Amino acid sequence: MNSPAVRRRLRRLPLDIAAAVTVVVCLFPVYWMVSTAFKPSKDIRSADPHLFPHTWTLDHFRRAVEADGFALFWRNSVLVTLGAVLLALLVALGAAYAVARMRWKGRRQFMLMIFIAQMAPWESLIIPVYIISRDTGMLDRLPTLTLIYFMITLPFTVVVLRGFIGTIPPELEEAAQVDGCTRTGAFWRVAMPLLAPGLMATSLFGFITAWNEFAYANFLIIKQQDNRTLPVWLSSFQNTFGTDWGATMAASTLFALPALVIFLLLQRHVTSGFAAGAVKG
């Protein structure tokens, strides 16, 4: 007779198999992109492709890095992404604290508008944003993209940080105030260190969203080619190199690398941050 542990494993076996298949299906295109970036050109054009490269080369990465505009567009993406994330964190932190700790008229309506903004498809606002940017002379400028990415990531950041602040007992801040801290000082010295997982989780979301965004960058940066970001540059990379799939895959790998590194650095805090942010509404 099977033991309870064996029966539990047997019941979980279909779920484990389904999870493994899902992981393989999702990761295989990424693996193929990276492996193609390291394959020699003759192996890429071969009619008999191999799952694992027989030989490795860095020539494709060299051509991608030496391509016109790579360093410039990389800098543009870093500036726009970091600017949007930092601005969203600063504004959302104040808004989340006001909603979670204070009682004021219109608080529920404010959060309702935040949820509506979070659910709104931002792609549907491209034309209004374009018209506003054109009429205010903000087309073809990196600060415009920074403000747009800030608006895209702000609702999610407010929602998560508001829930996270709600899980911190207010008595901790009150005790610090009794010891002589101001309300602001109590928040920065007591509550702020406890918000680290939530800040990291929302920072990761904001970074990936802004780093990968293509539609607004392609639609609002039209004339000033030097102000384009990496996703737009990558979309035209194939036209620059023709059928050089190796260089294209190398450029795609370099483009995905920063988001992967950020995720690996913050992964310990991401799950706890999202979970804590969803506990208390």
C-alpha atoms as a PDB file:
ATOM      1  CA  MET A   1       0.000   0.000   0.000  1.00  0.00           C
ATOM      2  CA  ASN A   2       1.297   3.376  -0.977  1.00  0.00           C
ATOM      3  CA  SER A   3       2.216   5.769   1.777  1.00  0.00           C
ATOM      4  CA  PRO A   4       0.543   9.214   1.993  1.00  0.00           C
ATOM      5  CA  ALA A   5       3.764  10.887   0.846  1.00  0.00           C
ATOM      6  CA  VAL A   6       3.876   8.747  -2.308  1.00  0.00           C
ATOM      7  CA  ARG A   7       0.221   9.455  -3.058  1.00  0.00           C
ATOM      8  CA  ARG A   8       0.827  13.177  -2.677  1.00  0.00           C
ATOM      9  CA  ARG A   9       3.735  12.980  -5.101  1.00  0.00           C
ATOM     10  CA  LEU A  10       1.629  11.065  -7.596  1.00  0.00           C
ATOM     11  CA  ARG A  11      -1.156  13.658  -7.361  1.00  0.00           C
ATOM     12  CA  ARG A  12       1.349  16.430  -7.903  1.00  0.00           C
ATOM     13  CA  LEU A  13       3.085  14.691 -10.808  1.00  0.00           C
ATOM     14  CA  PRO A  14       0.797  16.128 -13.556  1.00  0.00           C
ATOM     15  CA  LEU A  15       1.256  19.624 -12.153  1.00  0.00           C
ATOM     16  CA  ASP A  16       5.020  19.180 -11.990  1.00  0.00           C
ATOM     17  CA  ILE A  17       5.100  17.938 -15.580  1.00  0.00           C
ATOM     18  CA  ALA A  18       2.937  20.856 -16.731  1.00  0.00           C
ATOM     19  CA  ALA A  19       5.213  23.303 -14.901  1.00  0.00           C
ATOM     20  CA  ALA A  20       8.325  21.774 -16.458  1.00  0.00           C
ATOM     21  CA  VAL A  21       6.820  21.924 -19.960  1.00  0.00           C
ATOM     22  CA  THR A  22       5.821  25.569 -19.406  1.00  0.00           C
ATOM     23  CA  VAL A  23       9.336  26.478 -18.299  1.00  0.00           C
ATOM     24  CA  VAL A  24      10.902  24.757 -21.308  1.00  0.00           C
ATOM     25  CA  VAL A  25       8.492  26.397 -23.769  1.00  0.00           C
ATOM     26  CA  CYS A  26       9.090  29.858 -22.275  1.00  0.00           C
ATOM     27  CA  LEU A  27      12.866  29.579 -21.971  1.00  0.00           C
ATOM     28  CA  PHE A  28      13.678  27.828 -25.241  1.00  0.00           C
ATOM     29  CA  PRO A  29      13.358  30.975 -27.436  1.00  0.00           C
ATOM     30  CA  VAL A  30      15.661  32.790 -25.017  1.00  0.00           C
ATOM     31  CA  TYR A  31      18.153  29.945 -25.133  1.00  0.00           C
ATOM     32  CA  TRP A  32      18.018  29.866 -28.938  1.00  0.00           C
ATOM     33  CA  MET A  33      18.634  33.636 -29.091  1.00  0.00           C
ATOM     34  CA  VAL A  34      21.676  33.410 -26.819  1.00  0.00           C
ATOM     35  CA  SER A  35      23.096  30.300 -28.482  1.00  0.00           C
ATOM     36  CA  THR A  36      22.662  31.862 -31.937  1.00  0.00           C
ATOM     37  CA  ALA A  37      24.599  34.901 -30.751  1.00  0.00           C
ATOM     38  CA  PHE A  38      27.591  32.637 -30.030  1.00  0.00           C
ATOM     39  CA  LYS A  39      27.362  30.470 -33.167  1.00  0.00           C
ATOM     40  CA  PRO A  40      29.591  31.114 -36.190  1.00  0.00           C
ATOM     41  CA  SER A  41      27.756  32.475 -39.222  1.00  0.00           C
ATOM     42  CA  LYS A  42      28.164  29.237 -41.159  1.00  0.00           C
ATOM     43  CA  ASP A  43      26.372  27.287 -38.396  1.00  0.00           C
ATOM     44  CA  ILE A  44      23.535  29.837 -38.297  1.00  0.00           C
ATOM     45  CA  ARG A  45      22.977  29.523 -42.062  1.00  0.00           C
ATOM     46  CA  SER A  46      23.289  25.726 -41.972  1.00  0.00           C
ATOM     47  CA  ALA A  47      20.322  23.692 -43.201  1.00  0.00           C
ATOM     48  CA  ASP A  48      20.936  21.300 -40.316  1.00  0.00           C
ATOM     49  CA  PRO A  49      20.748  23.416 -37.126  1.00  0.00           C
ATOM     50  CA  HIS A  50      22.211  22.054 -33.910  1.00  0.00           C
ATOM     51  CA  LEU A  51      20.662  22.454 -30.504  1.00  0.00           C
ATOM     52  CA  PHE A  52      24.086  23.037 -28.907  1.00  0.00           C
ATOM     53  CA  PRO A  53      26.792  25.054 -30.706  1.00  0.00           C
ATOM     54  CA  HIS A  54      29.816  23.009 -31.739  1.00  0.00           C
ATOM     55  CA  THR A  55      32.051  26.089 -31.788  1.00  0.00           C
ATOM     56  CA  TRP A  56      31.746  29.463 -30.098  1.00  0.00           C
ATOM     57  CA  THR A  57      32.566  32.947 -31.316  1.00  0.00           C
ATOM     58  CA  LEU A  58      32.327  36.510 -30.005  1.00  0.00           C
ATOM     59  CA  ASP A  59      32.412  38.139 -33.429  1.00  0.00           C
ATOM     60  CA  HIS A  60      28.679  38.846 -33.393  1.00  0.00           C
ATOM     61  CA  PHE A  61      28.918  40.677 -30.071  1.00  0.00           C
ATOM     62  CA  ARG A  62      31.853  42.677 -31.390  1.00  0.00           C
ATOM     63  CA  ARG A  63      29.865  43.812 -34.426  1.00  0.00           C
ATOM     64  CA  ALA A  64      26.861  44.672 -32.258  1.00  0.00           C
ATOM     65  CA  VAL A  65      28.900  46.781 -29.837  1.00  0.00           C
ATOM     66  CA  GLU A  66      30.731  48.531 -32.662  1.00  0.00           C
ATOM     67  CA  ALA A  67      27.495  49.327 -34.528  1.00  0.00           C
ATOM     68  CA  ASP A  68      26.658  52.989 -34.982  1.00  0.00           C
ATOM     69  CA  GLY A  69      24.768  54.433 -32.038  1.00  0.00           C
ATOM     70  CA  PHE A  70      25.009  51.472 -29.688  1.00  0.00           C
ATOM     71  CA  ALA A  71      26.700  53.355 -26.832  1.00  0.00           C
ATOM     72  CA  LEU A  72      24.542  56.442 -27.368  1.00  0.00           C
ATOM     73  CA  PHE A  73      21.240  54.544 -27.368  1.00  0.00           C
ATOM     74  CA  TRP A  74      22.374  52.490 -24.378  1.00  0.00           C
ATOM     75  CA  ARG A  75      23.009  55.715 -22.464  1.00  0.00           C
ATOM     76  CA  ASN A  76      19.607  57.095 -23.498  1.00  0.00           C
ATOM     77  CA  SER A  77      17.809  53.988 -22.257  1.00  0.00           C
ATOM     78  CA  VAL A  78      19.666  54.011 -18.939  1.00  0.00           C
ATOM     79  CA  LEU A  79      18.941  57.710 -18.318  1.00  0.00           C
ATOM     80  CA  VAL A  80      15.265  57.464 -19.233  1.00  0.00           C
ATOM     81  CA  THR A  81      14.675  54.249 -17.286  1.00  0.00           C
ATOM     82  CA  LEU A  82      16.459  55.281 -14.091  1.00  0.00           C
ATOM     83  CA  GLY A  83      14.885  58.738 -14.192  1.00  0.00           C
ATOM     84  CA  ALA A  84      11.379  57.301 -14.514  1.00  0.00           C
ATOM     85  CA  VAL A  85      11.908  54.702 -11.778  1.00  0.00           C
ATOM     86  CA  LEU A  86      13.376  57.149  -9.270  1.00  0.00           C
ATOM     87  CA  LEU A  87      10.693  59.748  -9.944  1.00  0.00           C
ATOM     88  CA  ALA A  88       7.923  57.149  -9.598  1.00  0.00           C
ATOM     89  CA  LEU A  89       9.357  55.879  -6.313  1.00  0.00           C
ATOM     90  CA  LEU A  90       9.632  59.394  -4.880  1.00  0.00           C
ATOM     91  CA  VAL A  91       6.090  60.446  -5.784  1.00  0.00           C
ATOM     92  CA  ALA A  92       4.501  57.064  -5.016  1.00  0.00           C
ATOM     93  CA  LEU A  93       6.137  56.892  -1.610  1.00  0.00           C
ATOM     94  CA  GLY A  94       4.483  60.137  -0.508  1.00  0.00           C
ATOM     95  CA  ALA A  95       1.134  59.212  -2.042  1.00  0.00           C
ATOM     96  CA  ALA A  96       1.154  55.703  -0.558  1.00  0.00           C
ATOM     97  CA  TYR A  97       2.017  57.027   2.894  1.00  0.00           C
ATOM     98  CA  ALA A  98      -0.768  59.604   2.728  1.00  0.00           C
ATOM     99  CA  VAL A  99      -3.325  56.958   1.758  1.00  0.00           C
ATOM    100  CA  ALA A 100      -2.148  54.304   4.240  1.00  0.00           C
ATOM    101  CA  ARG A 101      -1.517  56.496   7.295  1.00  0.00           C
ATOM    102  CA  MET A 102      -3.755  59.549   6.982  1.00  0.00           C
ATOM    103  CA  ARG A 103      -7.508  60.019   6.864  1.00  0.00           C
ATOM    104  CA  TRP A 104      -8.682  62.697   4.469  1.00  0.00           C
ATOM    105  CA  LYS A 105     -11.725  63.358   2.341  1.00  0.00           C
ATOM    106  CA  GLY A 106     -11.564  61.751  -1.086  1.00  0.00           C
ATOM    107  CA  ARG A 107      -9.032  59.071  -0.118  1.00  0.00           C
ATOM    108  CA  ARG A 108     -11.147  56.215  -1.468  1.00  0.00           C
ATOM    109  CA  GLN A 109     -11.898  58.127  -4.674  1.00  0.00           C
ATOM    110  CA  PHE A 110      -8.191  58.786  -5.088  1.00  0.00           C
ATOM    111  CA  MET A 111      -7.361  55.093  -4.852  1.00  0.00           C
ATOM    112  CA  LEU A 112     -10.192  54.285  -7.259  1.00  0.00           C
ATOM    113  CA  MET A 113      -8.641  56.616  -9.817  1.00  0.00           C
ATOM    114  CA  ILE A 114      -5.265  54.976  -9.231  1.00  0.00           C
ATOM    115  CA  PHE A 115      -6.765  51.523  -9.926  1.00  0.00           C
ATOM    116  CA  ILE A 116      -8.484  52.828 -13.067  1.00  0.00           C
ATOM    117  CA  ALA A 117      -5.201  54.307 -14.285  1.00  0.00           C
ATOM    118  CA  GLN A 118      -3.473  50.993 -13.577  1.00  0.00           C
ATOM    119  CA  MET A 119      -6.017  49.072 -15.663  1.00  0.00           C
ATOM    120  CA  ALA A 120      -6.016  51.530 -18.572  1.00  0.00           C
ATOM    121  CA  PRO A 121      -4.180  50.312 -21.707  1.00  0.00           C
ATOM    122  CA  TRP A 122      -1.456  52.888 -22.171  1.00  0.00           C
ATOM    123  CA  GLU A 123      -1.119  52.125 -25.881  1.00  0.00           C
ATOM    124  CA  SER A 124      -4.573  53.642 -26.421  1.00  0.00           C
ATOM    125  CA  LEU A 125      -3.234  56.999 -25.186  1.00  0.00           C
ATOM    126  CA  ILE A 126      -0.442  57.292 -27.743  1.00  0.00           C
ATOM    127  CA  ILE A 127      -2.341  59.721 -29.983  1.00  0.00           C
ATOM    128  CA  PRO A 128      -3.438  62.090 -27.160  1.00  0.00           C
ATOM    129  CA  VAL A 129       0.094  62.007 -25.731  1.00  0.00           C
ATOM    130  CA  TYR A 130       1.524  62.743 -29.176  1.00  0.00           C
ATOM    131  CA  ILE A 131      -0.796  65.726 -29.633  1.00  0.00           C
ATOM    132  CA  ILE A 132       0.070  67.096 -26.180  1.00  0.00           C
ATOM    133  CA  SER A 133       3.796  66.620 -26.807  1.00  0.00           C
ATOM    134  CA  ARG A 134       3.560  68.280 -30.218  1.00  0.00           C
ATOM    135  CA  ASP A 135       1.616  71.295 -28.948  1.00  0.00           C
ATOM    136  CA  THR A 136       3.978  71.816 -26.016  1.00  0.00           C
ATOM    137  CA  GLY A 137       7.172  71.387 -28.043  1.00  0.00           C
ATOM    138  CA  MET A 138       8.135  68.172 -26.233  1.00  0.00           C
ATOM    139  CA  LEU A 139       8.512  65.880 -29.239  1.00  0.00           C
ATOM    140  CA  ASP A 140      11.881  64.239 -29.889  1.00  0.00           C
ATOM    141  CA  ARG A 141      13.057  64.826 -26.318  1.00  0.00           C
ATOM    142  CA  LEU A 142      14.190  62.299 -23.742  1.00  0.00           C
ATOM    143  CA  PRO A 143      12.484  64.092 -20.801  1.00  0.00           C
ATOM    144  CA  THR A 144       9.173  63.397 -22.556  1.00  0.00           C
ATOM    145  CA  LEU A 145       9.836  59.653 -22.502  1.00  0.00           C
ATOM    146  CA  THR A 146      10.917  59.884 -18.869  1.00  0.00           C
ATOM    147  CA  LEU A 147       7.632  61.540 -17.880  1.00  0.00           C
ATOM    148  CA  ILE A 148       5.591  59.016 -19.874  1.00  0.00           C
ATOM    149  CA  TYR A 149       7.337  56.023 -18.302  1.00  0.00           C
ATOM    150  CA  PHE A 150       6.897  57.703 -14.928  1.00  0.00           C
ATOM    151  CA  MET A 151       3.128  57.919 -15.523  1.00  0.00           C
ATOM    152  CA  ILE A 152       2.983  54.296 -16.701  1.00  0.00           C
ATOM    153  CA  THR A 153       4.742  52.894 -13.629  1.00  0.00           C
ATOM    154  CA  LEU A 154       3.306  55.280 -11.019  1.00  0.00           C
ATOM    155  CA  PRO A 155      -0.132  53.625 -10.414  1.00  0.00           C
ATOM    156  CA  PHE A 156       1.348  50.173  -9.811  1.00  0.00           C
ATOM    157  CA  THR A 157       4.012  51.632  -7.522  1.00  0.00           C
ATOM    158  CA  VAL A 158       1.409  53.504  -5.450  1.00  0.00           C
ATOM    159  CA  VAL A 159      -0.790  50.411  -5.071  1.00  0.00           C
ATOM    160  CA  VAL A 160       2.050  48.121  -3.968  1.00  0.00           C
ATOM    161  CA  LEU A 161       3.682  50.603  -1.592  1.00  0.00           C
ATOM    162  CA  ARG A 162       0.328  51.533  -0.078  1.00  0.00           C
ATOM    163  CA  GLY A 163      -0.359  47.896   0.798  1.00  0.00           C
ATOM    164  CA  PHE A 164       3.176  47.445   2.074  1.00  0.00           C
ATOM    165  CA  ILE A 165       3.018  50.501   4.345  1.00  0.00           C
ATOM    166  CA  GLY A 166      -0.321  49.216   5.643  1.00  0.00           C
ATOM    167  CA  THR A 167       1.417  46.104   6.996  1.00  0.00           C
ATOM    168  CA  ILE A 168       3.852  48.130   9.120  1.00  0.00           C
ATOM    169  CA  PRO A 169       2.386  48.746  12.602  1.00  0.00           C
ATOM    170  CA  PRO A 170       1.929  52.493  13.153  1.00  0.00           C
ATOM    171  CA  GLU A 171       2.905  51.940  16.779  1.00  0.00           C
ATOM    172  CA  LEU A 172       6.534  51.690  15.676  1.00  0.00           C
ATOM    173  CA  GLU A 173       6.456  55.230  14.327  1.00  0.00           C
ATOM    174  CA  GLU A 174       4.496  56.459  17.333  1.00  0.00           C
ATOM    175  CA  ALA A 175       7.158  55.038  19.647  1.00  0.00           C
ATOM    176  CA  ALA A 176       9.847  56.879  17.700  1.00  0.00           C
ATOM    177  CA  GLN A 177       7.843  60.115  17.988  1.00  0.00           C
ATOM    178  CA  VAL A 178       7.587  59.623  21.748  1.00  0.00           C
ATOM    179  CA  ASP A 179      11.387  59.375  21.822  1.00  0.00           C
ATOM    180  CA  GLY A 180      11.655  62.758  20.125  1.00  0.00           C
ATOM    181  CA  CYS A 181      11.457  62.083  16.384  1.00  0.00           C
ATOM    182  CA  THR A 182       9.246  64.138  14.145  1.00  0.00           C
ATOM    183  CA  ARG A 183       6.647  62.360  12.035  1.00  0.00           C
ATOM    184  CA  THR A 184       8.881  62.598   9.005  1.00  0.00           C
ATOM    185  CA  GLY A 185      11.920  61.480  10.982  1.00  0.00           C
ATOM    186  CA  ALA A 186      10.042  58.515  12.424  1.00  0.00           C
ATOM    187  CA  PHE A 187       9.013  57.427   8.945  1.00  0.00           C
ATOM    188  CA  TRP A 188      12.516  57.650   7.480  1.00  0.00           C
ATOM    189  CA  ARG A 189      14.242  56.009  10.444  1.00  0.00           C
ATOM    190  CA  VAL A 190      11.695  53.327  11.363  1.00  0.00           C
ATOM    191  CA  ALA A 191       9.350  52.586   8.459  1.00  0.00           C
ATOM    192  CA  MET A 192      11.680  53.244   5.545  1.00  0.00           C
ATOM    193  CA  PRO A 193      14.097  50.370   6.285  1.00  0.00           C
ATOM    194  CA  LEU A 194      11.120  47.994   6.493  1.00  0.00           C
ATOM    195  CA  LEU A 195       9.956  49.139   3.044  1.00  0.00           C
ATOM    196  CA  ALA A 196      13.084  47.869   1.291  1.00  0.00           C
ATOM    197  CA  PRO A 197      11.438  44.723  -0.216  1.00  0.00           C
ATOM    198  CA  GLY A 198       8.494  46.757  -1.513  1.00  0.00           C
ATOM    199  CA  LEU A 199      10.762  49.417  -2.982  1.00  0.00           C
ATOM    200  CA  MET A 200      12.882  46.790  -4.708  1.00  0.00           C
ATOM    201  CA  ALA A 201       9.841  44.952  -6.100  1.00  0.00           C
ATOM    202  CA  THR A 202       8.332  48.110  -7.556  1.00  0.00           C
ATOM    203  CA  SER A 203      11.736  49.240  -8.832  1.00  0.00           C
ATOM    204  CA  LEU A 204      12.122  45.970 -10.715  1.00  0.00           C
ATOM    205  CA  PHE A 205       8.682  46.316 -12.283  1.00  0.00           C
ATOM    206  CA  GLY A 206       9.355  49.923 -13.268  1.00  0.00           C
ATOM    207  CA  PHE A 207      12.774  49.136 -14.684  1.00  0.00           C
ATOM    208  CA  ILE A 208      11.561  46.262 -16.868  1.00  0.00           C
ATOM    209  CA  THR A 209       8.541  48.242 -18.068  1.00  0.00           C
ATOM    210  CA  ALA A 210      10.531  51.329 -19.024  1.00  0.00           C
ATOM    211  CA  TRP A 211      13.524  49.408 -20.389  1.00  0.00           C
ATOM    212  CA  ASN A 212      11.416  47.296 -22.765  1.00  0.00           C
ATOM    213  CA  GLU A 213       8.921  49.986 -23.859  1.00  0.00           C
ATOM    214  CA  PHE A 214       8.869  50.452 -27.624  1.00  0.00           C
ATOM    215  CA  ALA A 215       5.627  52.090 -28.793  1.00  0.00           C
ATOM    216  CA  TYR A 216       6.048  55.528 -27.212  1.00  0.00           C
ATOM    217  CA  ALA A 217       9.784  55.659 -27.933  1.00  0.00           C
ATOM    218  CA  ASN A 218       9.151  54.871 -31.587  1.00  0.00           C
ATOM    219  CA  PHE A 219       6.178  57.225 -31.895  1.00  0.00           C
ATOM    220  CA  LEU A 220       7.496  60.305 -30.085  1.00  0.00           C
ATOM    221  CA  ILE A 221      11.169  60.285 -31.160  1.00  0.00           C
ATOM    222  CA  ILE A 222      10.852  60.865 -34.885  1.00  0.00           C
ATOM    223  CA  LYS A 223      13.367  63.418 -36.139  1.00  0.00           C
ATOM    224  CA  GLN A 224      16.107  63.375 -33.503  1.00  0.00           C
ATOM    225  CA  GLN A 225      17.630  59.957 -34.123  1.00  0.00           C
ATOM    226  CA  ASP A 226      20.236  60.525 -31.414  1.00  0.00           C
ATOM    227  CA  ASN A 227      17.471  60.551 -28.788  1.00  0.00           C
ATOM    228  CA  ARG A 228      16.233  57.059 -29.563  1.00  0.00           C
ATOM    229  CA  THR A 229      16.407  54.242 -27.051  1.00  0.00           C
ATOM    230  CA  LEU A 230      17.669  50.681 -27.366  1.00  0.00           C
ATOM    231  CA  PRO A 231      14.319  49.035 -28.271  1.00  0.00           C
ATOM    232  CA  VAL A 232      13.915  51.373 -31.262  1.00  0.00           C
ATOM    233  CA  TRP A 233      17.538  50.896 -32.283  1.00  0.00           C
ATOM    234  CA  LEU A 234      17.127  47.139 -32.005  1.00  0.00           C
ATOM    235  CA  SER A 235      14.055  47.187 -34.264  1.00  0.00           C
ATOM    236  CA  SER A 236      16.112  48.771 -37.043  1.00  0.00           C
ATOM    237  CA  PHE A 237      19.180  46.637 -36.362  1.00  0.00           C
ATOM    238  CA  GLN A 238      18.195  43.976 -38.869  1.00  0.00           C
ATOM    239  CA  ASN A 239      17.859  46.583 -41.601  1.00  0.00           C
ATOM    240  CA  THR A 240      21.365  47.790 -40.817  1.00  0.00           C
ATOM    241  CA  PHE A 241      22.995  44.363 -41.001  1.00  0.00           C
ATOM    242  CA  GLY A 242      20.724  42.768 -43.585  1.00  0.00           C
ATOM    243  CA  THR A 243      20.607  39.036 -42.930  1.00  0.00           C
ATOM    244  CA  ASP A 244      23.248  39.017 -40.187  1.00  0.00           C
ATOM    245  CA  TRP A 245      21.209  37.033 -37.668  1.00  0.00           C
ATOM    246  CA  GLY A 246      24.210  36.479 -35.441  1.00  0.00           C
ATOM    247  CA  ALA A 247      24.727  40.200 -34.836  1.00  0.00           C
ATOM    248  CA  THR A 248      20.987  40.668 -34.379  1.00  0.00           C
ATOM    249  CA  MET A 249      20.809  37.944 -31.728  1.00  0.00           C
ATOM    250  CA  ALA A 250      23.921  39.319 -30.034  1.00  0.00           C
ATOM    251  CA  ALA A 251      22.338  42.776 -29.868  1.00  0.00           C
ATOM    252  CA  SER A 252      19.135  41.241 -28.464  1.00  0.00           C
ATOM    253  CA  THR A 253      21.130  39.383 -25.823  1.00  0.00           C
ATOM    254  CA  LEU A 254      22.921  42.562 -24.769  1.00  0.00           C
ATOM    255  CA  PHE A 255      19.585  44.353 -24.622  1.00  0.00           C
ATOM    256  CA  ALA A 256      18.061  41.704 -22.323  1.00  0.00           C
ATOM    257  CA  LEU A 257      21.116  41.459 -20.071  1.00  0.00           C
ATOM    258  CA  PRO A 258      20.487  44.519 -17.807  1.00  0.00           C
ATOM    259  CA  ALA A 259      16.938  43.443 -16.936  1.00  0.00           C
ATOM    260  CA  LEU A 260      18.199  39.931 -16.149  1.00  0.00           C
ATOM    261  CA  VAL A 261      20.968  41.261 -13.917  1.00  0.00           C
ATOM    262  CA  ILE A 262      18.573  43.557 -12.049  1.00  0.00           C
ATOM    263  CA  PHE A 263      16.169  40.674 -11.499  1.00  0.00           C
ATOM    264  CA  LEU A 264      18.903  38.366 -10.191  1.00  0.00           C
ATOM    265  CA  LEU A 265      20.079  41.046  -7.773  1.00  0.00           C
ATOM    266  CA  LEU A 266      16.581  41.785  -6.451  1.00  0.00           C
ATOM    267  CA  GLN A 267      14.912  38.381  -6.709  1.00  0.00           C
ATOM    268  CA  ARG A 268      15.123  37.695  -2.963  1.00  0.00           C
ATOM    269  CA  HIS A 269      12.992  40.724  -2.228  1.00  0.00           C
ATOM    270  CA  VAL A 270      10.620  40.639  -5.192  1.00  0.00           C
ATOM    271  CA  THR A 271       8.315  37.863  -3.978  1.00  0.00           C
ATOM    272  CA  SER A 272       8.080  39.157  -0.429  1.00  0.00           C
ATOM    273  CA  GLY A 273       7.552  42.670  -1.691  1.00  0.00           C
ATOM    274  CA  PHE A 274       4.686  41.793  -4.016  1.00  0.00           C
ATOM    275  CA  ALA A 275       3.082  39.503  -1.429  1.00  0.00           C
ATOM    276  CA  ALA A 276       3.279  42.069   1.367  1.00  0.00           C
ATOM    277  CA  GLY A 277       1.961  44.777  -0.917  1.00  0.00           C
ATOM    278  CA  ALA A 278      -1.128  42.715  -1.643  1.00  0.00           C
ATOM    279  CA  VAL A 279      -1.938  41.746   1.957  1.00  0.00           C
ATOM    280  CA  LYS A 280      -3.695  44.846   3.186  1.00  0.00           C
ATOM    281  CA  GLY A 281      -5.941  47.034   1.075  1.00  0.00           C
END
